[in-house]
Protein backbone atom coordinates (compact mmCIF):
# COMPACT_ATOMS: atom_id res chain seq x y z
CA MET A 1 77.79 74.68 111.41
CA ARG A 2 79.69 77.63 112.88
CA THR A 3 77.90 79.94 115.31
CA LEU A 4 78.60 83.64 115.40
CA ASP A 5 78.62 85.68 118.61
CA LEU A 6 77.12 89.14 118.08
CA VAL A 7 77.33 92.34 120.10
CA ALA A 8 75.03 95.36 119.90
CA VAL A 9 76.65 98.71 119.15
CA ASP A 10 75.12 102.17 118.92
CA VAL A 11 75.68 103.91 115.58
CA GLU A 12 74.31 107.45 115.68
CA GLY A 13 71.22 106.38 117.61
CA TRP A 14 70.66 103.11 115.72
CA THR A 15 71.48 99.67 117.01
CA ALA A 16 73.78 97.62 114.81
CA TRP A 17 74.80 94.01 115.42
CA LEU A 18 78.42 93.17 114.74
CA PRO A 19 80.46 90.00 115.19
CA ALA A 20 82.02 89.96 118.66
CA ASP A 21 85.50 89.85 117.09
CA ALA A 22 84.85 92.74 114.65
CA ASP A 23 87.55 94.87 116.28
CA ASP A 24 90.17 92.16 115.69
CA PRO A 25 92.69 93.93 113.43
CA GLU A 26 93.67 90.77 111.55
CA PRO A 27 91.12 87.96 111.67
CA ASP A 28 92.57 84.65 110.53
CA ASN A 29 90.11 84.18 107.68
CA THR A 30 91.27 87.28 105.78
CA ALA A 31 95.05 87.11 106.18
CA GLY A 32 96.54 87.27 102.70
CA SER A 33 93.13 87.60 101.08
CA VAL A 34 92.68 89.19 97.66
CA HIS A 35 89.46 90.53 96.15
CA LEU A 36 88.60 92.28 92.89
CA LEU A 37 86.05 94.98 93.67
CA PRO A 38 84.01 96.80 91.01
CA HIS A 39 83.82 100.53 90.43
CA PHE A 40 81.99 102.33 93.25
CA ASP A 41 81.96 99.29 95.56
CA PRO A 42 80.32 100.21 98.92
CA PHE A 43 83.43 99.06 100.85
CA VAL A 44 85.61 101.52 98.97
CA VAL A 45 83.04 104.33 98.83
CA GLY A 46 82.20 104.14 102.54
CA SER A 47 85.63 103.53 104.07
CA PHE A 48 87.10 106.37 106.08
CA PRO A 49 89.65 107.59 106.82
CA ARG A 50 91.08 106.94 103.36
CA SER A 51 94.60 106.63 104.75
CA GLN A 52 93.52 103.34 106.35
CA LEU A 53 92.06 102.03 103.08
CA ILE A 54 94.94 102.51 100.63
CA ALA A 55 98.25 100.66 100.81
CA PRO A 56 101.07 103.17 101.50
CA SER A 57 102.71 102.37 98.16
CA GLY A 58 99.54 103.45 96.35
CA ILE A 59 98.80 106.77 98.02
CA GLU A 60 100.51 108.71 95.22
CA LEU A 61 98.56 106.80 92.56
CA ILE A 62 95.13 107.54 94.02
CA ARG A 63 94.11 111.07 94.79
CA GLU A 64 92.52 111.49 98.21
CA GLY A 65 88.92 110.31 98.10
CA ARG A 66 89.02 109.07 94.49
CA ALA A 67 89.55 105.31 94.96
CA ALA A 68 85.85 104.61 94.28
CA ASN A 69 86.26 105.65 90.64
CA PHE A 70 88.38 102.58 89.97
CA ALA A 71 87.84 98.84 89.97
CA VAL A 72 90.30 98.00 92.74
CA LEU A 73 92.35 95.08 93.94
CA LEU A 74 92.13 94.55 97.70
CA VAL A 75 94.97 92.77 99.45
CA ASP A 76 94.38 92.23 103.17
CA ARG A 77 91.54 94.79 103.04
CA LEU A 78 93.75 97.52 101.52
CA VAL A 79 93.42 99.02 98.05
CA SER A 80 96.59 97.62 96.49
CA GLY A 81 96.04 97.98 92.76
CA PHE A 82 93.57 98.32 89.93
CA TRP A 83 91.98 95.86 87.54
CA GLU A 84 90.06 95.95 84.31
CA CYS A 85 88.42 93.44 82.03
CA LYS A 86 87.74 93.36 78.31
CA ILE A 87 85.93 90.94 76.05
CA ARG A 88 88.06 89.84 73.10
CA LYS A 89 86.67 87.32 70.64
CA SER A 90 84.29 85.76 73.18
CA ARG A 91 87.03 85.60 75.85
CA LEU A 92 87.10 87.66 79.01
CA GLU A 93 90.55 89.10 79.65
CA VAL A 94 91.30 90.46 83.09
CA ARG A 95 94.34 92.67 83.70
CA VAL A 96 95.47 93.40 87.26
CA ASP A 97 98.01 96.12 88.05
CA ALA A 98 99.13 95.75 91.65
CA PHE A 99 101.28 98.35 93.36
CA VAL A 100 102.33 95.89 96.07
CA SER A 101 104.25 92.63 95.81
CA LEU A 102 101.91 89.66 95.54
CA THR A 103 102.68 86.19 96.83
CA GLU A 104 102.29 83.21 94.51
CA ALA A 105 99.16 82.21 96.44
CA GLN A 106 97.65 85.67 95.95
CA GLN A 107 98.47 85.60 92.23
CA SER A 108 96.83 82.19 92.00
CA ASP A 109 93.72 83.49 93.79
CA ILE A 110 93.47 86.40 91.34
CA ALA A 111 93.83 84.06 88.37
CA ARG A 112 91.13 81.79 89.78
């Protein structure tokens, strides 16, 4: 079992408990990670400033502040594409449109 060291931080008068390594810009467990987030996911809705949320190659594709309207692909915690799913003859088809280059491992993770 892994233990987690926590630190108390003040957030506008409220105490919040965060992992001690929360300010680590690139924790090992998320390097190369991919996630498919739904429309209006709290991570996308609540992330500011937006320039730190969207991959540079996607800035032109997403108007400022409008990323929450889309089901998004996250690559290393950055909005790096869109995805959609449709049901066709009892099959779920998922289409991912990335605006970054994906490694084979990332493509495999998306497929899984």
